[in-house]
């Protein structure tokens, strides 16, 4: 799939989920570079820049994608290559390596998260996260019996994706409307959500409504966990930049609103680290306050 096709599918939500977006973007960049007819190194660098820009602009809040693309870009700029064969091998090796890093990090994270779920637990989750569903299904495969309460996650109902996956895996799953999360919090042992981005302060950007769930959990003294690889850390936030919050088409909310009505449709919100009990990562369960130290240990190339 070309860079243009991939960017279009990311923008239209045909490709969604932070990890899946990152994987598809990396593959698209790798394919674009490998099929590029050899010219000069300057042309290659220009192609990298334009391709990365197109992919990154397709979804503002996806640092895992940006980090994966950045890794390939760094490898190309730092390596010595002078011919077509050497360049294509370099691109393939860089792509293979970062995809292996993605997979290994996700698998370790899921192993850590599954251990936190115990028999008899009731877990609340919001939106769709492959890390969250992987964690829950892994716990089920370990023979644990527990319940999941899943929000619809409006306006695109991504919660239905999660619900289908969990029911298929035999997990006892109940769906509720987003606004019922506080009502059911008294039945919850802990909350598990995913993440699209983690800032240098340890705040988490995730699907709109996440911060409300976190607030309700805090109020009810229910632990709130974020399942996320460290690869979703956004380096630009170290230097004072804010993570961009994408606003999507109002048609997602109301396709034929009355004339004069204003509609806002932010896709994400920010959950402050104070509300987060722990980040479930490939390093283990860590405090959001220690995110920078963890990045230095695992992925110094991101900084």
Foldseek 3Di string as FASTA:
>chain_A
DALLVLLVCLLVVVQDALLRLLLVLLVNLLVVLLPDDDDDVVVSLVSLVVSLVSSCVSDQLALLNVLLSVQLVVQQVPDDDDDSVVNSVSSVVSSVVVVVVSVLWLVLLLVQLLVVDAAAFEEEEEADHPSVLSNVLVNVVVVHAYEYEYELQDDVRNSVVSVVSCVVSVHHYHYDHLVCLLVCLVRHQAYEYEANAAELQLKTKDFPSPQVNLVSCVVVVHAYEYRYALSRYHVVVVVPDDRDWDWDDCVSPPVDDPPPDDDTGTGIDIHHLVSHPFYRTSVHTHRSNCSVVVCVVPPVVND
